Amino acid sequence: MPTQKPRTTIYLEPELFEALQERAKEEKRTVSNLSNLLIEQAMKAWLAENKPPSASK
């Protein structure tokens, strides 16, 4: 089923890719799904630390 989600391509060191494959297999996920999850978690943490202060009125 096609998706409307944006796509990207990344290039990984072979050792990192192998570790990602191993973890995905252990968690019964695809490498793509695990990559998405890890990026989401990292970006949530980053955004929480780097969110601009809200404008107070």
N, C-alpha and C. Protein backbone atom coordinates (compact mmCIF):
# COMPACT_ATOMS: atom_id res chain seq x y z
N MET A 1 0.85 -1.18 0.00
CA MET A 1 0.00 0.00 0.00
C MET A 1 0.90 1.24 0.00
N PRO A 2 0.73 2.14 -0.97
CA PRO A 2 1.55 3.35 -1.02
C PRO A 2 1.28 4.24 0.18
N THR A 3 2.29 5.00 0.52
CA THR A 3 2.16 5.92 1.65
C THR A 3 2.39 7.35 1.18
N GLN A 4 1.80 8.28 1.90
CA GLN A 4 1.99 9.70 1.60
C GLN A 4 3.11 10.30 2.46
N LYS A 5 3.74 9.47 3.29
CA LYS A 5 4.81 9.95 4.16
C LYS A 5 6.05 10.30 3.33
N PRO A 6 6.75 11.36 3.73
CA PRO A 6 8.00 11.70 3.03
C PRO A 6 9.04 10.59 3.23
N ARG A 7 9.94 10.49 2.28
CA ARG A 7 11.01 9.48 2.34
C ARG A 7 12.36 10.16 2.38
N THR A 8 13.33 9.41 2.87
CA THR A 8 14.71 9.88 2.85
C THR A 8 15.62 8.67 2.67
N THR A 9 16.83 8.93 2.30
CA THR A 9 17.83 7.89 2.16
C THR A 9 18.97 8.23 3.10
N ILE A 10 19.45 7.22 3.83
CA ILE A 10 20.63 7.43 4.68
C ILE A 10 21.67 6.38 4.34
N TYR A 11 22.91 6.72 4.60
CA TYR A 11 24.01 5.81 4.37
C TYR A 11 24.65 5.54 5.73
N LEU A 12 24.73 4.25 6.10
CA LEU A 12 25.24 3.87 7.39
C LEU A 12 26.55 3.09 7.25
N GLU A 13 27.36 3.18 8.28
CA GLU A 13 28.54 2.34 8.34
C GLU A 13 28.06 0.88 8.44
N PRO A 14 28.77 -0.05 7.84
CA PRO A 14 28.32 -1.45 7.87
C PRO A 14 28.06 -1.99 9.28
N GLU A 15 28.91 -1.62 10.23
CA GLU A 15 28.74 -2.12 11.60
C GLU A 15 27.45 -1.60 12.22
N LEU A 16 27.13 -0.33 11.95
CA LEU A 16 25.90 0.26 12.48
C LEU A 16 24.67 -0.40 11.85
N PHE A 17 24.74 -0.64 10.55
CA PHE A 17 23.63 -1.29 9.87
C PHE A 17 23.41 -2.70 10.39
N GLU A 18 24.49 -3.43 10.61
CA GLU A 18 24.36 -4.79 11.14
C GLU A 18 23.72 -4.77 12.53
N ALA A 19 24.13 -3.82 13.37
CA ALA A 19 23.55 -3.71 14.71
C ALA A 19 22.07 -3.35 14.63
N LEU A 20 21.73 -2.47 13.71
CA LEU A 20 20.33 -2.09 13.50
C LEU A 20 19.51 -3.29 13.05
N GLN A 21 20.05 -4.08 12.13
CA GLN A 21 19.37 -5.29 11.66
C GLN A 21 19.16 -6.27 12.82
N GLU A 22 20.18 -6.45 13.64
CA GLU A 22 20.09 -7.38 14.76
C GLU A 22 19.02 -6.93 15.76
N ARG A 23 19.02 -5.65 16.10
CA ARG A 23 18.02 -5.14 17.04
C ARG A 23 16.61 -5.26 16.45
N ALA A 24 16.47 -4.91 15.19
CA ALA A 24 15.15 -5.01 14.53
C ALA A 24 14.64 -6.45 14.58
N LYS A 25 15.52 -7.40 14.32
CA LYS A 25 15.13 -8.80 14.36
C LYS A 25 14.70 -9.21 15.76
N GLU A 26 15.47 -8.78 16.78
CA GLU A 26 15.13 -9.09 18.18
C GLU A 26 13.77 -8.52 18.56
N GLU A 27 13.46 -7.32 18.05
CA GLU A 27 12.20 -6.65 18.39
C GLU A 27 11.07 -6.98 17.42
N LYS A 28 11.35 -7.88 16.48
CA LYS A 28 10.37 -8.28 15.46
C LYS A 28 9.81 -7.06 14.71
N ARG A 29 10.73 -6.22 14.25
CA ARG A 29 10.39 -5.02 13.48
C ARG A 29 11.19 -5.05 12.19
N THR A 30 10.79 -4.21 11.26
CA THR A 30 11.62 -4.00 10.08
C THR A 30 12.70 -2.98 10.45
N VAL A 31 13.77 -2.97 9.68
CA VAL A 31 14.83 -1.98 9.90
C VAL A 31 14.25 -0.58 9.71
N SER A 32 13.38 -0.41 8.73
CA SER A 32 12.75 0.88 8.48
C SER A 32 11.92 1.34 9.68
N ASN A 33 11.10 0.42 10.21
CA ASN A 33 10.25 0.76 11.35
C ASN A 33 11.09 1.10 12.57
N LEU A 34 12.13 0.33 12.84
CA LEU A 34 13.00 0.61 13.98
C LEU A 34 13.71 1.94 13.80
N SER A 35 14.19 2.21 12.60
CA SER A 35 14.86 3.48 12.32
C SER A 35 13.93 4.65 12.58
N ASN A 36 12.69 4.53 12.11
CA ASN A 36 11.70 5.58 12.33
C ASN A 36 11.46 5.79 13.82
N LEU A 37 11.31 4.71 14.57
CA LEU A 37 11.08 4.80 16.01
C LEU A 37 12.24 5.48 16.72
N LEU A 38 13.46 5.09 16.40
CA LEU A 38 14.62 5.69 17.04
C LEU A 38 14.77 7.17 16.70
N ILE A 39 14.48 7.54 15.46
CA ILE A 39 14.54 8.95 15.07
C ILE A 39 13.46 9.74 15.80
N GLU A 40 12.24 9.19 15.89
CA GLU A 40 11.15 9.86 16.61
C GLU A 40 11.55 10.12 18.06
N GLN A 41 12.09 9.11 18.74
CA GLN A 41 12.49 9.25 20.14
C GLN A 41 13.57 10.31 20.30
N ALA A 42 14.57 10.27 19.44
CA ALA A 42 15.66 11.24 19.52
C ALA A 42 15.17 12.66 19.24
N MET A 43 14.28 12.81 18.27
CA MET A 43 13.78 14.15 17.93
C MET A 43 12.85 14.70 19.01
N LYS A 44 12.04 13.84 19.65
CA LYS A 44 11.20 14.30 20.77
C LYS A 44 12.07 14.85 21.89
N ALA A 45 13.14 14.13 22.21
CA ALA A 45 14.06 14.59 23.26
C ALA A 45 14.73 15.90 22.85
N TRP A 46 15.17 15.98 21.61
CA TRP A 46 15.84 17.19 21.14
C TRP A 46 14.89 18.38 21.13
N LEU A 47 13.66 18.15 20.64
CA LEU A 47 12.68 19.24 20.60
C LEU A 47 12.32 19.71 22.00
N ALA A 48 12.24 18.80 22.96
CA ALA A 48 11.92 19.18 24.33
C ALA A 48 13.00 20.09 24.91
N GLU A 49 14.24 19.86 24.52
CA GLU A 49 15.36 20.67 25.02
C GLU A 49 15.53 21.96 24.23
N ASN A 50 15.08 21.99 23.00
CA ASN A 50 15.37 23.12 22.11
C ASN A 50 14.15 23.89 21.67
N LYS A 51 13.03 23.67 22.34
CA LYS A 51 11.80 24.36 21.98
C LYS A 51 11.93 25.84 22.32
N PRO A 52 11.58 26.71 21.37
CA PRO A 52 11.64 28.14 21.70
C PRO A 52 10.60 28.49 22.76
N PRO A 53 10.91 29.44 23.64
CA PRO A 53 9.94 29.81 24.67
C PRO A 53 8.66 30.35 24.03
N SER A 54 7.51 30.01 24.62
CA SER A 54 6.23 30.50 24.07
C SER A 54 6.10 31.98 24.35
N ALA A 55 5.47 32.63 23.42
CA ALA A 55 5.22 34.07 23.59
C ALA A 55 4.11 34.24 24.61
N SER A 56 4.37 34.97 25.66
CA SER A 56 3.33 35.18 26.68
C SER A 56 2.56 36.46 26.38
N LYS A 57 1.24 36.41 26.57
CA LYS A 57 0.40 37.58 26.32
C LYS A 57 -0.37 37.93 27.54
